[in-house]
Amino acid sequence: MLAALDHVQLAAPPGAEDALRAFYTGALGMTEIPKPPVLAARGGCWFRAGSVQLHVGVEHDFRPAKKAHPGLRVTGIDALAARLTAHGAPVNWDDDLPGHRRFYSEDPAGNRLEFLQPH
């Protein structure tokens, strides 16, 4: 039986780790968590905020996900949108989900991210 979502894995091209660290820790305020040594040798980086974990792995023939995405529930959605804009990330508001305010953005590798807050 499923008990919880442990993490979401995204991909990025080789060498993108520094830009991803700046985005996920700087723009989103997440904390980088260490990867086990055998996995760290493969590149990529892992991040956490509370119980939310995002893992970004290196994919040599990387193409960003334009439709698939994690949906991240947030508080203070307007402040987050302003923070992402200040870090140069796109913020595209979408009013199509009843009962929620939400927008989409992208990480430095071009992966789509959804941020939503219930009304």
N, C-alpha and C. Protein backbone atom coordinates (compact mmCIF):
# COMPACT_ATOMS: atom_id res chain seq x y z
N MET A 1 0.83 -1.19 0.00
CA MET A 1 0.00 0.00 0.00
C MET A 1 0.88 1.25 0.00
N LEU A 2 0.44 2.25 -0.73
CA LEU A 2 1.15 3.53 -0.73
C LEU A 2 0.92 4.24 0.60
N ALA A 3 1.97 4.83 1.13
CA ALA A 3 1.86 5.54 2.41
C ALA A 3 2.12 7.03 2.27
N ALA A 4 3.01 7.42 1.36
CA ALA A 4 3.35 8.83 1.18
C ALA A 4 4.19 8.98 -0.08
N LEU A 5 4.28 10.19 -0.56
CA LEU A 5 5.19 10.49 -1.66
C LEU A 5 6.54 10.83 -1.05
N ASP A 6 7.56 10.08 -1.40
CA ASP A 6 8.89 10.28 -0.82
C ASP A 6 9.62 11.45 -1.47
N HIS A 7 9.63 11.52 -2.80
CA HIS A 7 10.31 12.60 -3.50
C HIS A 7 9.82 12.65 -4.94
N VAL A 8 10.16 13.72 -5.62
CA VAL A 8 9.94 13.86 -7.06
C VAL A 8 11.30 14.01 -7.70
N GLN A 9 11.52 13.26 -8.78
CA GLN A 9 12.80 13.32 -9.51
C GLN A 9 12.61 14.15 -10.77
N LEU A 10 13.47 15.13 -10.95
CA LEU A 10 13.55 15.91 -12.17
C LEU A 10 14.90 15.61 -12.81
N ALA A 11 15.06 16.01 -14.04
CA ALA A 11 16.33 15.79 -14.73
C ALA A 11 16.91 17.13 -15.16
N ALA A 12 18.19 17.13 -15.44
CA ALA A 12 18.90 18.32 -15.90
C ALA A 12 20.11 17.86 -16.70
N PRO A 13 20.65 18.75 -17.52
CA PRO A 13 21.84 18.38 -18.29
C PRO A 13 23.08 18.36 -17.41
N PRO A 14 24.12 17.65 -17.83
CA PRO A 14 25.38 17.65 -17.09
C PRO A 14 25.89 19.08 -16.89
N GLY A 15 26.43 19.36 -15.71
CA GLY A 15 27.01 20.66 -15.44
C GLY A 15 26.03 21.73 -14.98
N ALA A 16 24.75 21.39 -14.80
CA ALA A 16 23.74 22.38 -14.41
C ALA A 16 23.61 22.55 -12.90
N GLU A 17 24.37 21.79 -12.13
CA GLU A 17 24.18 21.76 -10.68
C GLU A 17 24.29 23.14 -10.01
N ASP A 18 25.25 23.96 -10.38
CA ASP A 18 25.41 25.26 -9.72
C ASP A 18 24.20 26.15 -9.96
N ALA A 19 23.68 26.18 -11.17
CA ALA A 19 22.48 26.97 -11.47
C ALA A 19 21.27 26.42 -10.73
N LEU A 20 21.18 25.10 -10.63
CA LEU A 20 20.06 24.49 -9.90
C LEU A 20 20.15 24.80 -8.42
N ARG A 21 21.34 24.74 -7.86
CA ARG A 21 21.53 25.09 -6.43
C ARG A 21 21.09 26.53 -6.17
N ALA A 22 21.49 27.44 -7.04
CA ALA A 22 21.12 28.85 -6.87
C ALA A 22 19.60 29.01 -6.92
N PHE A 23 18.95 28.30 -7.80
CA PHE A 23 17.50 28.40 -7.94
C PHE A 23 16.78 27.76 -6.76
N TYR A 24 17.07 26.50 -6.49
CA TYR A 24 16.30 25.79 -5.47
C TYR A 24 16.61 26.27 -4.05
N THR A 25 17.85 26.67 -3.78
CA THR A 25 18.14 27.18 -2.44
C THR A 25 17.89 28.69 -2.37
N GLY A 26 18.31 29.43 -3.39
CA GLY A 26 18.16 30.88 -3.37
C GLY A 26 16.75 31.35 -3.65
N ALA A 27 16.19 30.96 -4.77
CA ALA A 27 14.87 31.44 -5.16
C ALA A 27 13.75 30.75 -4.38
N LEU A 28 13.87 29.45 -4.17
CA LEU A 28 12.80 28.72 -3.48
C LEU A 28 13.03 28.52 -1.99
N GLY A 29 14.24 28.81 -1.50
CA GLY A 29 14.51 28.70 -0.08
C GLY A 29 14.60 27.27 0.43
N MET A 30 14.86 26.32 -0.46
CA MET A 30 15.02 24.93 -0.04
C MET A 30 16.43 24.73 0.50
N THR A 31 16.64 23.62 1.16
CA THR A 31 17.96 23.25 1.67
C THR A 31 18.49 22.10 0.84
N GLU A 32 19.76 22.20 0.43
CA GLU A 32 20.36 21.06 -0.27
C GLU A 32 20.65 19.97 0.75
N ILE A 33 20.31 18.75 0.41
CA ILE A 33 20.61 17.62 1.28
C ILE A 33 21.63 16.73 0.57
N PRO A 34 22.51 16.10 1.34
CA PRO A 34 23.56 15.29 0.71
C PRO A 34 22.99 14.04 0.06
N LYS A 35 23.56 13.71 -1.08
CA LYS A 35 23.24 12.45 -1.73
C LYS A 35 24.17 11.38 -1.18
N PRO A 36 23.73 10.14 -1.14
CA PRO A 36 24.65 9.07 -0.76
C PRO A 36 25.85 9.07 -1.72
N PRO A 37 27.06 8.77 -1.24
CA PRO A 37 28.25 8.87 -2.08
C PRO A 37 28.15 8.14 -3.42
N VAL A 38 27.59 6.95 -3.44
CA VAL A 38 27.50 6.22 -4.71
C VAL A 38 26.60 6.95 -5.71
N LEU A 39 25.58 7.65 -5.21
CA LEU A 39 24.70 8.42 -6.09
C LEU A 39 25.28 9.79 -6.42
N ALA A 40 26.02 10.39 -5.50
CA ALA A 40 26.64 11.69 -5.74
C ALA A 40 27.62 11.63 -6.90
N ALA A 41 28.25 10.47 -7.09
CA ALA A 41 29.21 10.31 -8.19
C ALA A 41 28.54 10.47 -9.56
N ARG A 42 27.23 10.32 -9.60
CA ARG A 42 26.49 10.44 -10.87
C ARG A 42 26.14 11.89 -11.21
N GLY A 43 26.40 12.81 -10.28
CA GLY A 43 26.02 14.21 -10.49
C GLY A 43 24.61 14.46 -9.97
N GLY A 44 24.14 15.67 -10.20
CA GLY A 44 22.82 16.06 -9.73
C GLY A 44 22.86 16.55 -8.30
N CYS A 45 21.70 16.90 -7.76
CA CYS A 45 21.58 17.40 -6.40
C CYS A 45 20.17 17.19 -5.88
N TRP A 46 20.07 17.12 -4.55
CA TRP A 46 18.80 16.89 -3.88
C TRP A 46 18.49 18.07 -2.98
N PHE A 47 17.18 18.38 -2.85
CA PHE A 47 16.74 19.52 -2.06
C PHE A 47 15.54 19.13 -1.21
N ARG A 48 15.38 19.87 -0.08
CA ARG A 48 14.27 19.61 0.83
C ARG A 48 13.75 20.94 1.39
N ALA A 49 12.43 20.97 1.59
CA ALA A 49 11.76 22.04 2.34
C ALA A 49 10.66 21.36 3.12
N GLY A 50 10.82 21.27 4.43
CA GLY A 50 9.85 20.51 5.24
C GLY A 50 9.86 19.06 4.80
N SER A 51 8.70 18.53 4.49
CA SER A 51 8.61 17.13 4.05
C SER A 51 8.72 16.98 2.53
N VAL A 52 8.89 18.08 1.82
CA VAL A 52 8.97 18.05 0.35
C VAL A 52 10.41 17.83 -0.07
N GLN A 53 10.65 16.81 -0.90
CA GLN A 53 11.98 16.58 -1.47
C GLN A 53 11.90 16.60 -2.99
N LEU A 54 12.84 17.33 -3.60
CA LEU A 54 13.03 17.31 -5.05
C LEU A 54 14.43 16.82 -5.31
N HIS A 55 14.55 15.80 -6.14
CA HIS A 55 15.85 15.28 -6.55
C HIS A 55 16.04 15.66 -8.01
N VAL A 56 17.20 16.18 -8.34
CA VAL A 56 17.51 16.51 -9.73
C VAL A 56 18.70 15.66 -10.14
N GLY A 57 18.48 14.83 -11.14
CA GLY A 57 19.52 13.94 -11.63
C GLY A 57 20.01 14.36 -13.00
N VAL A 58 21.22 13.97 -13.31
CA VAL A 58 21.83 14.29 -14.61
C VAL A 58 21.35 13.30 -15.66
N GLU A 59 20.93 13.86 -16.77
CA GLU A 59 20.50 13.06 -17.93
C GLU A 59 21.28 13.57 -19.14
N HIS A 60 22.09 12.71 -19.72
CA HIS A 60 23.00 13.16 -20.78
C HIS A 60 22.29 13.63 -22.03
N ASP A 61 21.16 13.04 -22.39
CA ASP A 61 20.40 13.51 -23.55
C ASP A 61 19.16 14.29 -23.09
N PHE A 62 19.36 15.16 -22.10
CA PHE A 62 18.30 15.88 -21.42
C PHE A 62 17.45 16.73 -22.35
N ARG A 63 16.15 16.67 -22.12
CA ARG A 63 15.18 17.59 -22.70
C ARG A 63 14.22 17.96 -21.56
N PRO A 64 13.98 19.25 -21.32
CA PRO A 64 13.14 19.64 -20.18
C PRO A 64 11.70 19.16 -20.34
N ALA A 65 11.10 18.83 -19.22
CA ALA A 65 9.69 18.45 -19.21
C ALA A 65 8.85 19.72 -19.39
N LYS A 66 8.06 19.79 -20.42
CA LYS A 66 7.23 20.97 -20.68
C LYS A 66 5.80 20.79 -20.21
N LYS A 67 5.34 19.55 -20.06
CA LYS A 67 3.99 19.28 -19.57
C LYS A 67 4.05 18.63 -18.18
N ALA A 68 4.84 17.58 -18.04
CA ALA A 68 4.96 16.91 -16.75
C ALA A 68 5.60 17.88 -15.75
N HIS A 69 5.15 17.81 -14.49
CA HIS A 69 5.67 18.75 -13.49
C HIS A 69 5.26 18.32 -12.10
N PRO A 70 6.03 18.73 -11.08
CA PRO A 70 5.55 18.59 -9.71
C PRO A 70 4.61 19.75 -9.41
N GLY A 71 3.57 19.48 -8.65
CA GLY A 71 2.68 20.51 -8.14
C GLY A 71 3.04 20.76 -6.69
N LEU A 72 3.51 21.94 -6.39
CA LEU A 72 4.02 22.26 -5.06
C LEU A 72 3.04 23.20 -4.35
N ARG A 73 2.42 22.71 -3.27
CA ARG A 73 1.50 23.53 -2.49
C ARG A 73 2.31 24.50 -1.64
N VAL A 74 1.90 25.77 -1.67
CA VAL A 74 2.67 26.81 -1.00
C VAL A 74 1.76 27.67 -0.12
N THR A 75 2.38 28.46 0.73
CA THR A 75 1.73 29.55 1.45
C THR A 75 2.41 30.83 0.97
N GLY A 76 1.70 31.94 1.00
CA GLY A 76 2.30 33.20 0.56
C GLY A 76 2.62 33.19 -0.92
N ILE A 77 1.66 32.80 -1.75
CA ILE A 77 1.93 32.61 -3.18
C ILE A 77 2.37 33.90 -3.88
N ASP A 78 1.82 35.04 -3.47
CA ASP A 78 2.22 36.30 -4.10
C ASP A 78 3.67 36.64 -3.80
N ALA A 79 4.08 36.43 -2.55
CA ALA A 79 5.47 36.69 -2.19
C ALA A 79 6.41 35.74 -2.93
N LEU A 80 5.99 34.48 -3.09
CA LEU A 80 6.82 33.53 -3.83
C LEU A 80 6.94 33.94 -5.29
N ALA A 81 5.84 34.36 -5.89
CA ALA A 81 5.88 34.81 -7.28
C ALA A 81 6.83 35.99 -7.43
N ALA A 82 6.78 36.93 -6.50
CA ALA A 82 7.68 38.09 -6.54
C ALA A 82 9.13 37.66 -6.37
N ARG A 83 9.36 36.71 -5.49
CA ARG A 83 10.72 36.22 -5.25
C ARG A 83 11.29 35.54 -6.50
N LEU A 84 10.48 34.71 -7.15
CA LEU A 84 10.93 34.04 -8.37
C LEU A 84 11.20 35.06 -9.48
N THR A 85 10.31 36.04 -9.61
CA THR A 85 10.52 37.10 -10.61
C THR A 85 11.83 37.83 -10.35
N ALA A 86 12.10 38.14 -9.09
CA ALA A 86 13.35 38.83 -8.73
C ALA A 86 14.57 37.99 -9.06
N HIS A 87 14.44 36.67 -9.07
CA HIS A 87 15.54 35.78 -9.43
C HIS A 87 15.56 35.48 -10.93
N GLY A 88 14.72 36.15 -11.71
CA GLY A 88 14.73 35.98 -13.16
C GLY A 88 13.96 34.79 -13.67
N ALA A 89 13.17 34.14 -12.82
CA ALA A 89 12.38 32.98 -13.25
C ALA A 89 11.03 33.46 -13.77
N PRO A 90 10.48 32.80 -14.79
CA PRO A 90 9.17 33.20 -15.29
C PRO A 90 8.07 32.85 -14.29
N VAL A 91 7.02 33.65 -14.28
CA VAL A 91 5.83 33.39 -13.47
C VAL A 91 4.63 33.56 -14.39
N ASN A 92 3.93 32.46 -14.64
CA ASN A 92 2.77 32.46 -15.53
C ASN A 92 1.54 32.02 -14.75
N TRP A 93 0.69 32.99 -14.39
CA TRP A 93 -0.50 32.71 -13.60
C TRP A 93 -1.52 31.93 -14.42
N ASP A 94 -2.28 31.07 -13.74
CA ASP A 94 -3.31 30.24 -14.38
C ASP A 94 -4.49 30.17 -13.43
N ASP A 95 -5.67 30.55 -13.90
CA ASP A 95 -6.88 30.58 -13.07
C ASP A 95 -7.80 29.40 -13.33
N ASP A 96 -7.33 28.34 -13.96
CA ASP A 96 -8.20 27.26 -14.39
C ASP A 96 -8.49 26.20 -13.34
N LEU A 97 -7.88 26.25 -12.18
CA LEU A 97 -8.12 25.24 -11.14
C LEU A 97 -9.01 25.84 -10.05
N PRO A 98 -10.29 25.45 -10.01
CA PRO A 98 -11.20 26.02 -9.02
C PRO A 98 -10.68 25.83 -7.59
N GLY A 99 -10.88 26.87 -6.78
CA GLY A 99 -10.50 26.80 -5.38
C GLY A 99 -9.04 27.04 -5.10
N HIS A 100 -8.27 27.41 -6.12
CA HIS A 100 -6.83 27.60 -5.95
C HIS A 100 -6.35 28.83 -6.71
N ARG A 101 -5.29 29.43 -6.20
CA ARG A 101 -4.48 30.36 -6.99
C ARG A 101 -3.24 29.58 -7.36
N ARG A 102 -2.82 29.73 -8.61
CA ARG A 102 -1.63 28.98 -9.02
C ARG A 102 -0.92 29.68 -10.15
N PHE A 103 0.38 29.33 -10.25
CA PHE A 103 1.18 29.77 -11.39
C PHE A 103 2.18 28.69 -11.73
N TYR A 104 2.72 28.80 -12.93
CA TYR A 104 3.77 27.91 -13.40
C TYR A 104 5.05 28.70 -13.54
N SER A 105 6.16 28.02 -13.34
CA SER A 105 7.47 28.60 -13.53
C SER A 105 8.37 27.52 -14.12
N GLU A 106 9.65 27.82 -14.23
CA GLU A 106 10.64 26.86 -14.74
C GLU A 106 11.91 26.98 -13.92
N ASP A 107 12.59 25.85 -13.72
CA ASP A 107 13.91 25.91 -13.10
C ASP A 107 14.94 26.26 -14.18
N PRO A 108 16.20 26.46 -13.84
CA PRO A 108 17.21 26.85 -14.83
C PRO A 108 17.40 25.83 -15.96
N ALA A 109 17.00 24.57 -15.74
CA ALA A 109 17.12 23.56 -16.79
C ALA A 109 15.89 23.56 -17.71
N GLY A 110 14.87 24.35 -17.36
CA GLY A 110 13.67 24.42 -18.17
C GLY A 110 12.56 23.48 -17.73
N ASN A 111 12.72 22.82 -16.59
CA ASN A 111 11.66 21.95 -16.08
C ASN A 111 10.48 22.78 -15.59
N ARG A 112 9.27 22.38 -15.96
CA ARG A 112 8.05 23.06 -15.54
C ARG A 112 7.77 22.75 -14.06
N LEU A 113 7.38 23.79 -13.32
CA LEU A 113 7.03 23.67 -11.91
C LEU A 113 5.70 24.38 -11.68
N GLU A 114 4.78 23.73 -10.96
CA GLU A 114 3.51 24.36 -10.61
C GLU A 114 3.51 24.70 -9.12
N PHE A 115 3.06 25.90 -8.80
CA PHE A 115 2.93 26.36 -7.42
C PHE A 115 1.48 26.72 -7.20
N LEU A 116 0.88 26.14 -6.15
CA LEU A 116 -0.54 26.40 -5.92
C LEU A 116 -0.85 26.59 -4.45
N GLN A 117 -1.87 27.42 -4.21
CA GLN A 117 -2.32 27.71 -2.86
C GLN A 117 -3.84 27.67 -2.86
N PRO A 118 -4.44 26.84 -1.99
CA PRO A 118 -5.90 26.83 -1.92
C PRO A 118 -6.43 28.17 -1.44
N HIS A 119 -7.63 28.55 -1.91
CA HIS A 119 -8.27 29.79 -1.42
C HIS A 119 -8.64 29.63 0.02
